[in-house]
């Protein structure tokens, strides 16, 4: 791809109440995933793999601390090179400017003009996937329309009730974006709109200038969905692994999916590398008494107990006599002797005292919030 042919707008302004308390103190973008990744790593990696040098990130006010803690200098995604640049803007500033009658897309238009890229890609973090943006751009150039939208065929039962769906014509063009019909059977496939777009930048600037005069939505994703009805839009079908993450159950299942080698390979080794924050640590130690079955462990852990169907993040300690099944253990967990855990999500920096039982279900895993010390049994989310 030609250098600087494409710039990127990355953001996720939706607040998913179904993910609480996991998102109580962090945005969805920085939720840990598969032992060592954050959800933000996936769109950032797609951007890096497409050799895009300019990024505008749009977040909610008050939700950027964990983002910058993770990105740091941006070395892993090549954001620290001389030719690359990234900017951050708050969605609430768009809302304030609109409320004051000011041109609320002015900052985005200024960014697009300074980026001087012929095409702009928009993408977010709640659709966990590994998209090759160079292939999407190739399709965009072939069809020569102003917009291209990316979608995936998904069973209705695996998408949010608030999901946006693409209506297609016989020429594989997108006609409109509609809400999910609750009458559709759970196993029936729908065209999930991934809210990922490639657009002609000059055309977009004109649309934004006109839109802010007509009181259009300040949400760029809603704005682009509405444009599909007005402009001939190419529909690009993504066929790789995707998880629509919108509540605790979908987040839990997306992690558990990585224990299936096919899903793991499709998402993380499809030909495009996924980059994350590097940490040089010692390998995980497994004692002679430990038993590990169908699980993944990041570096720096100490495993003395038994784990089965688990994802264990960096520096977790699981002591002798403890048995953990079907669970997600985040970084720095300290789980003492003779603990029993099933169907649970343990957030960062938790301590489980010896002999405790934590038992959830596949549909309702128990969540232990960050920095907690658990001293009593928790069965189905209730303290015993």
Protein backbone atom coordinates (compact mmCIF):
# COMPACT_ATOMS: atom_id res chain seq x y z
CA UNK A 1 0.00 0.00 0.00
CA UNK A 2 1.28 3.48 -0.85
CA UNK A 3 2.66 5.36 2.14
CA UNK A 4 0.13 7.77 3.68
CA UNK A 5 -2.67 6.62 1.37
CA UNK A 6 -4.83 5.91 4.42
CA UNK A 7 -5.31 7.51 7.87
CA UNK A 8 -7.35 6.03 10.72
CA UNK A 9 -10.01 7.09 13.21
CA UNK A 10 -10.15 4.67 16.13
CA UNK A 11 -12.64 4.87 18.94
CA UNK A 12 -15.29 3.26 21.01
CA UNK A 13 -17.69 5.69 22.66
CA UNK A 14 -20.33 3.14 23.67
CA UNK A 15 -20.56 2.25 27.34
CA UNK A 16 -21.62 -1.35 27.73
CA UNK A 17 -23.58 -1.73 30.99
CA UNK A 18 -23.65 -5.48 30.49
CA UNK A 19 -19.88 -5.60 31.08
CA UNK A 20 -20.06 -3.99 34.51
CA UNK A 21 -18.18 -4.30 36.89
CA UNK A 22 -15.34 -5.24 34.52
CA UNK A 23 -15.65 -1.81 32.87
CA UNK A 24 -16.27 0.14 36.08
CA UNK A 25 -12.76 1.63 36.08
CA UNK A 26 -11.63 1.02 32.51
CA UNK A 27 -13.07 1.41 28.98
CA UNK A 28 -13.93 -1.66 26.94
CA UNK A 29 -10.77 -0.98 24.89
CA UNK A 30 -8.42 -1.97 27.72
CA UNK A 31 -10.23 -5.09 28.91
CA UNK A 32 -7.65 -7.90 29.18
CA UNK A 33 -8.02 -10.74 26.70
CA UNK A 34 -6.41 -14.17 26.30
CA UNK A 35 -3.84 -13.82 29.10
CA UNK A 36 -1.72 -10.99 27.69
CA UNK A 37 -3.69 -8.87 25.21
CA UNK A 38 -6.10 -5.92 25.53
CA UNK A 39 -9.05 -5.52 23.16
CA UNK A 40 -7.46 -2.30 21.85
CA UNK A 41 -4.51 -4.35 20.55
CA UNK A 42 -6.61 -5.78 17.72
CA UNK A 43 -7.68 -2.59 15.88
CA UNK A 44 -4.27 -1.04 16.61
CA UNK A 45 -2.57 -4.08 15.08
CA UNK A 46 -4.79 -3.92 11.98
CA UNK A 47 -3.73 -0.27 11.62
CA UNK A 48 -0.04 -1.10 12.09
CA UNK A 49 -0.21 -4.03 9.65
CA UNK A 50 -1.76 -1.71 7.02
CA UNK A 51 1.22 0.66 7.35
CA UNK A 52 -1.02 3.56 8.46
CA UNK A 53 0.98 6.42 9.98
CA UNK A 54 -1.67 8.80 11.31
CA UNK A 55 -4.39 7.91 13.88
CA UNK A 56 -7.08 9.95 15.61
CA UNK A 57 -8.39 8.20 18.73
CA UNK A 58 -11.78 9.22 20.15
CA UNK A 59 -12.61 8.16 23.71
CA UNK A 60 -15.01 9.12 26.45
CA UNK A 61 -13.81 11.72 28.93
CA UNK A 62 -12.21 10.13 32.00
CA UNK A 63 -11.48 6.81 30.30
CA UNK A 64 -8.01 7.39 28.88
CA UNK A 65 -5.71 6.61 31.83
CA UNK A 66 -5.67 2.86 31.25
CA UNK A 67 -5.38 3.46 27.50
CA UNK A 68 -2.16 5.43 27.93
CA UNK A 69 -0.90 3.02 30.59
CA UNK A 70 -1.17 0.30 27.95
CA UNK A 71 0.01 2.18 24.86
CA UNK A 72 2.86 4.02 26.57
CA UNK A 73 5.16 5.35 23.86
CA UNK A 74 3.45 3.17 21.27
CA UNK A 75 6.61 1.31 20.26
CA UNK A 76 4.86 -2.04 19.76
CA UNK A 77 2.51 -0.54 17.13
CA UNK A 78 5.26 1.61 15.57
CA UNK A 79 3.56 4.78 16.87
CA UNK A 80 6.86 6.16 18.18
CA UNK A 81 8.58 6.49 14.79
CA UNK A 82 9.35 9.92 13.34
CA UNK A 83 6.86 9.55 10.47
CA UNK A 84 3.96 8.35 12.68
CA UNK A 85 1.59 10.42 14.81
CA UNK A 86 -1.54 9.90 16.87
CA UNK A 87 -3.99 12.30 18.45
CA UNK A 88 -6.65 11.91 21.13
CA UNK A 89 -10.01 13.63 21.26
CA UNK A 90 -12.93 13.32 23.71
CA UNK A 91 -16.40 12.49 22.40
CA UNK A 92 -17.93 14.78 25.04
CA UNK A 93 -16.23 17.75 23.31
CA UNK A 94 -18.25 16.97 20.16
CA UNK A 95 -21.42 17.01 22.31
CA UNK A 96 -20.50 20.30 24.05
CA UNK A 97 -19.77 22.03 20.75
CA UNK A 98 -23.05 20.84 19.28
CA UNK A 99 -24.95 22.06 22.36
CA UNK A 100 -23.31 25.49 21.92
CA UNK A 101 -24.25 25.62 18.24
CA UNK A 102 -20.62 25.35 17.13
CA UNK A 103 -19.33 23.25 14.18
CA UNK A 104 -18.91 20.04 16.17
CA UNK A 105 -16.97 18.09 13.51
CA UNK A 106 -14.37 20.87 13.17
CA UNK A 107 -11.62 18.98 15.02
CA UNK A 108 -12.13 15.83 12.98
CA UNK A 109 -12.18 17.80 9.73
CA UNK A 110 -8.95 19.55 10.75
CA UNK A 111 -7.35 16.17 11.48
CA UNK A 112 -8.43 14.74 8.12
CA UNK A 113 -7.12 17.78 6.24
CA UNK A 114 -3.73 17.66 7.97
CA UNK A 115 -3.39 13.89 7.51
CA UNK A 116 -3.51 14.44 3.72
CA UNK A 117 -4.55 10.81 3.10
CA UNK A 118 -6.77 9.87 0.18
CA UNK A 119 -8.69 7.33 2.26
CA UNK A 120 -9.80 7.14 5.89
CA UNK A 121 -10.58 3.98 7.85
CA UNK A 122 -12.89 3.95 10.90
CA UNK A 123 -12.82 1.10 13.42
CA UNK A 124 -13.49 0.28 17.08
CA UNK A 125 -12.74 -2.35 19.74
CA UNK A 126 -16.00 -4.12 20.61
CA UNK A 127 -15.87 -6.42 17.57
CA UNK A 128 -12.94 -8.67 18.36
CA UNK A 129 -11.38 -9.59 15.02
CA UNK A 130 -8.23 -9.45 12.92
CA UNK A 131 -9.06 -7.61 9.70
CA UNK A 132 -6.57 -7.11 6.86
CA UNK A 133 -7.27 -3.46 5.96
CA UNK A 134 -5.16 -3.72 2.83
CA UNK A 135 -7.63 -6.28 1.44
CA UNK A 136 -10.57 -4.03 2.36
CA UNK A 137 -8.91 -1.09 0.59
CA UNK A 138 -8.27 -3.25 -2.47
CA UNK A 139 -11.99 -4.07 -2.65
CA UNK A 140 -12.83 -0.40 -2.08
CA UNK A 141 -10.63 0.64 -5.02
CA UNK A 142 -12.07 -2.09 -7.24
CA UNK A 143 -15.69 -1.01 -6.65
CA UNK A 144 -14.79 2.71 -6.75
CA UNK A 145 -17.60 3.80 -4.42
CA UNK A 146 -17.30 6.57 -1.81
CA UNK A 147 -17.77 4.15 1.10
CA UNK A 148 -17.02 0.53 1.97
CA UNK A 149 -18.49 -1.09 5.08
CA UNK A 150 -17.21 -4.35 6.60
CA UNK A 151 -19.67 -6.98 7.82
CA UNK A 152 -19.69 -10.59 9.02
CA UNK A 153 -22.33 -13.28 8.79
CA UNK A 154 -23.09 -14.32 12.38
CA UNK A 155 -25.73 -16.48 14.09
CA UNK A 156 -28.30 -14.18 15.69
CA UNK A 157 -27.63 -15.80 19.06
CA UNK A 158 -24.04 -14.48 19.04
CA UNK A 159 -24.77 -10.78 18.50
CA UNK A 160 -26.12 -8.10 20.80
CA UNK A 161 -29.84 -7.27 20.73
CA UNK A 162 -28.64 -3.71 19.97
CA UNK A 163 -26.52 -4.86 17.04
CA UNK A 164 -26.64 -3.06 13.70
CA UNK A 165 -27.27 -5.26 10.67
CA UNK A 166 -26.45 -4.62 7.02
CA UNK A 167 -29.11 -5.04 4.35
CA UNK A 168 -27.51 -6.07 1.04
CA UNK A 169 -28.65 -6.08 -2.58
CA UNK A 170 -27.78 -8.71 -5.22
CA UNK A 171 -24.64 -6.77 -6.17
CA UNK A 172 -23.16 -7.07 -2.65
CA UNK A 173 -23.78 -3.41 -1.97
CA UNK A 174 -25.04 -2.17 1.39
CA UNK A 175 -28.49 -0.58 1.20
CA UNK A 176 -29.13 0.32 4.83
CA UNK A 177 -28.33 -0.44 8.46
CA UNK A 178 -31.20 -1.82 10.51
CA UNK A 179 -31.75 -3.01 14.06
CA UNK A 180 -31.92 -6.72 14.91
CA UNK A 181 -35.35 -8.28 14.44
CA UNK A 182 -36.15 -10.17 17.65
CA UNK A 183 -38.36 -12.54 15.66
CA UNK A 184 -35.32 -13.99 13.86
CA UNK A 185 -34.43 -17.48 15.15
CA UNK A 186 -31.28 -17.77 17.31
CA UNK A 187 -29.52 -20.02 14.78
CA UNK A 188 -30.36 -17.90 11.72
CA UNK A 189 -27.45 -15.93 10.25
CA UNK A 190 -27.51 -12.13 10.09
CA UNK A 191 -25.12 -9.60 8.47
CA UNK A 192 -23.49 -7.93 11.47
CA UNK A 193 -22.32 -4.37 10.72
CA UNK A 194 -18.80 -4.23 12.20
CA UNK A 195 -18.81 -0.39 12.20
CA UNK A 196 -15.60 -0.55 10.18
CA UNK A 197 -15.48 1.68 7.13
CA UNK A 198 -13.12 2.90 4.44
CA UNK A 199 -14.19 6.19 2.85
CA UNK A 200 -12.85 8.73 0.37
CA UNK A 201 -11.43 11.46 2.62
CA UNK A 202 -12.35 14.46 0.42
CA UNK A 203 -15.94 13.22 0.13
CA UNK A 204 -16.10 12.63 3.89
CA UNK A 205 -14.92 16.15 4.72
CA UNK A 206 -17.69 17.61 2.56
CA UNK A 207 -20.25 15.34 4.25
CA UNK A 208 -19.07 16.33 7.73
CA UNK A 209 -19.17 20.03 6.86
CA UNK A 210 -22.72 19.67 5.59
CA UNK A 211 -23.78 17.36 8.44
CA UNK A 212 -22.83 19.71 11.24
CA UNK A 213 -25.02 22.38 9.64
CA UNK A 214 -27.99 20.00 9.53
CA UNK A 215 -27.81 18.88 13.16
CA UNK A 216 -26.68 15.35 12.24
CA UNK A 217 -25.49 12.95 14.95
CA UNK A 218 -22.10 13.88 16.52
CA UNK A 219 -21.34 10.14 16.68
CA UNK A 220 -19.26 9.45 13.58
CA UNK A 221 -20.41 5.83 13.51
CA UNK A 222 -24.11 6.78 13.56
CA UNK A 223 -23.29 9.44 10.94
CA UNK A 224 -21.67 6.85 8.64
CA UNK A 225 -24.50 4.34 9.13
CA UNK A 226 -26.96 7.00 8.00
CA UNK A 227 -24.83 7.76 4.92
CA UNK A 228 -25.22 4.16 3.70
CA UNK A 229 -28.83 4.96 2.74
CA UNK A 230 -27.73 7.99 0.74
CA UNK A 231 -24.56 6.78 -0.99
CA UNK A 232 -23.78 3.63 -2.99
CA UNK A 233 -21.70 1.61 -0.51
CA UNK A 234 -19.54 -1.44 -1.11
CA UNK A 235 -20.05 -4.27 1.41
CA UNK A 236 -16.91 -6.25 2.28
CA UNK A 237 -17.50 -9.63 3.93
CA UNK A 238 -15.02 -10.54 6.67
CA UNK A 239 -14.77 -14.32 7.08
CA UNK A 240 -12.28 -14.69 9.95
CA UNK A 241 -12.95 -15.13 13.68
CA UNK A 242 -15.14 -12.45 15.28
CA UNK A 243 -16.75 -12.04 18.67
CA UNK A 244 -19.31 -9.31 19.38
CA UNK A 245 -18.39 -8.30 22.94
CA UNK A 246 -21.22 -6.48 24.72
CA UNK A 247 -21.79 -8.21 28.08
CA UNK A 248 -20.04 -10.47 30.60
CA UNK A 249 -21.24 -13.67 28.93
CA UNK A 250 -19.94 -12.68 25.48
CA UNK A 251 -16.62 -11.49 26.98
CA UNK A 252 -16.22 -14.73 28.92
CA UNK A 253 -17.07 -16.86 25.87
CA UNK A 254 -14.65 -14.91 23.62
CA UNK A 255 -11.83 -15.76 26.03
CA UNK A 256 -12.91 -19.40 26.28
CA UNK A 257 -12.98 -19.55 22.46
CA UNK A 258 -9.19 -19.16 22.52
CA UNK A 259 -8.88 -22.63 24.12
CA UNK A 260 -10.11 -24.04 20.81
CA UNK A 261 -7.02 -24.28 18.55
CA UNK A 262 -9.03 -23.33 15.44
CA UNK A 263 -10.34 -20.08 16.96
CA UNK A 264 -6.92 -19.31 18.47
CA UNK A 265 -5.21 -19.74 15.11
CA UNK A 266 -7.90 -17.84 13.18
CA UNK A 267 -7.68 -14.77 15.42
CA UNK A 268 -4.02 -14.62 16.39
CA UNK A 269 -2.14 -16.39 13.59
CA UNK A 270 -4.15 -15.67 10.45
CA UNK A 271 -1.17 -14.08 8.70
CA UNK A 272 -1.40 -10.72 10.44
CA UNK A 273 0.47 -10.39 13.72
CA UNK A 274 -1.31 -9.02 16.80
CA UNK A 275 0.92 -6.66 18.74
CA UNK A 276 0.66 -5.96 22.47
CA UNK A 277 2.66 -4.29 25.21
CA UNK A 278 5.89 -6.21 25.68
CA UNK A 279 7.01 -7.35 29.12
CA UNK A 280 10.20 -9.34 29.52
CA UNK A 281 9.55 -11.75 32.38
CA UNK A 282 10.69 -15.15 33.59
CA UNK A 283 8.84 -18.22 32.26
CA UNK A 284 5.98 -19.68 34.26
CA UNK A 285 7.00 -22.22 36.91
CA UNK A 286 5.05 -25.48 37.11
CA UNK A 287 5.70 -27.57 40.25
CA UNK A 288 5.89 -31.36 40.11
CA UNK A 289 2.43 -31.57 41.75
CA UNK A 290 0.75 -29.20 39.31
CA UNK A 291 -1.78 -30.44 36.72
CA UNK A 292 -2.64 -28.36 33.66
CA UNK A 293 -5.30 -29.37 31.11
CA UNK A 294 -6.39 -27.36 28.06
CA UNK A 295 -5.28 -24.04 29.54
CA UNK A 296 -3.06 -21.08 28.67
CA UNK A 297 -0.68 -19.35 31.08
CA UNK A 298 1.20 -16.11 30.47
CA UNK A 299 4.74 -15.53 31.74
CA UNK A 300 5.82 -15.09 35.35
CA UNK A 301 3.19 -17.37 36.93
CA UNK A 302 3.67 -19.99 39.64
CA UNK A 303 1.38 -23.01 39.19
CA UNK A 304 1.35 -25.53 42.06
CA UNK A 305 -2.36 -26.55 41.89
CA UNK A 306 -4.65 -27.88 39.13
CA UNK A 307 -6.12 -25.84 36.28
CA UNK A 308 -8.48 -27.02 33.54
CA UNK A 309 -9.97 -24.91 30.72
CA UNK A 310 -8.46 -21.73 32.17
CA UNK A 311 -6.72 -18.58 30.92
CA UNK A 312 -4.13 -17.35 33.41
CA UNK A 313 -2.51 -13.93 33.03
CA UNK A 314 0.94 -12.71 33.97
CA UNK A 315 2.38 -13.22 37.47
CA UNK A 316 -0.59 -15.18 38.85
CA UNK A 317 0.21 -17.52 41.74
CA UNK A 318 -1.88 -20.68 42.25
CA UNK A 319 -0.87 -22.60 45.35
CA UNK A 320 -0.91 -26.33 46.13
CA UNK A 321 -4.26 -28.07 46.58
CA UNK A 322 -6.17 -25.45 44.60
CA UNK A 323 -8.39 -26.59 41.69
CA UNK A 324 -9.57 -24.05 39.08
CA UNK A 325 -11.83 -24.90 36.12
CA UNK A 326 -13.43 -22.88 33.30
CA UNK A 327 -12.13 -19.56 34.59
CA UNK A 328 -10.25 -16.40 33.62
CA UNK A 329 -7.50 -15.36 36.02
CA UNK A 330 -6.12 -11.87 35.37
CA UNK A 331 -2.69 -10.51 36.27
CA UNK A 332 -1.13 -10.62 39.74
CA UNK A 333 -3.77 -12.91 41.26
CA UNK A 334 -2.74 -14.64 44.48
CA UNK A 335 -4.76 -17.80 45.05
CA UNK A 336 -3.79 -19.60 48.22
CA UNK A 337 -3.96 -23.30 49.17
CA UNK A 338 -7.00 -25.59 48.75
CA UNK A 339 -9.20 -23.07 46.89
CA UNK A 340 -11.94 -24.32 44.51
CA UNK A 341 -12.94 -22.05 41.60
CA UNK A 342 -15.31 -22.82 38.70
CA UNK A 343 -16.76 -20.48 36.07
CA UNK A 344 -15.27 -17.26 37.41
CA UNK A 345 -13.52 -14.11 36.18
CA UNK A 346 -10.92 -12.87 38.63
CA UNK A 347 -9.86 -9.31 37.83
CA UNK A 348 -6.35 -7.94 38.46
CA UNK A 349 -4.57 -7.93 41.81
CA UNK A 350 -7.02 -10.11 43.75
CA UNK A 351 -6.21 -12.41 46.67
CA UNK A 352 -8.22 -15.54 47.47
CA UNK A 353 -7.65 -16.85 50.97
CA UNK A 354 -7.03 -20.56 51.62
CA UNK A 355 -9.96 -22.99 51.47
CA UNK A 356 -12.40 -20.61 49.74
CA UNK A 357 -14.98 -21.78 47.13
CA UNK A 358 -16.00 -19.55 44.22
CA UNK A 359 -18.60 -21.23 41.99
CA UNK A 360 -20.44 -19.65 39.06
CA UNK A 361 -22.09 -21.02 35.94
CA UNK A 362 -21.23 -20.91 32.25
CA UNK A 363 -24.02 -18.38 31.61
CA UNK A 364 -23.31 -16.33 34.74
CA UNK A 365 -19.64 -16.54 35.73
CA UNK A 366 -18.79 -15.02 39.12
CA UNK A 367 -16.79 -11.78 38.85
CA UNK A 368 -14.26 -10.78 41.51
CA UNK A 369 -13.44 -7.08 41.13
CA UNK A 370 -9.93 -5.62 41.04
CA UNK A 371 -7.86 -5.43 44.23
CA UNK A 372 -10.32 -7.52 46.31
CA UNK A 373 -9.38 -9.93 49.08
CA UNK A 374 -11.90 -12.81 49.19
CA UNK A 375 -12.31 -14.34 52.65
CA UNK A 376 -15.71 -16.07 52.29
CA UNK A 377 -17.25 -18.53 49.82
CA UNK A 378 -19.07 -17.06 46.80
CA UNK A 379 -21.63 -19.35 45.19
CA UNK A 380 -23.45 -18.02 42.10
CA UNK A 381 -22.42 -14.45 42.81
CA UNK A 382 -23.67 -14.46 46.43
CA UNK A 383 -21.46 -14.53 49.50
CA UNK A 384 -22.04 -17.77 51.45
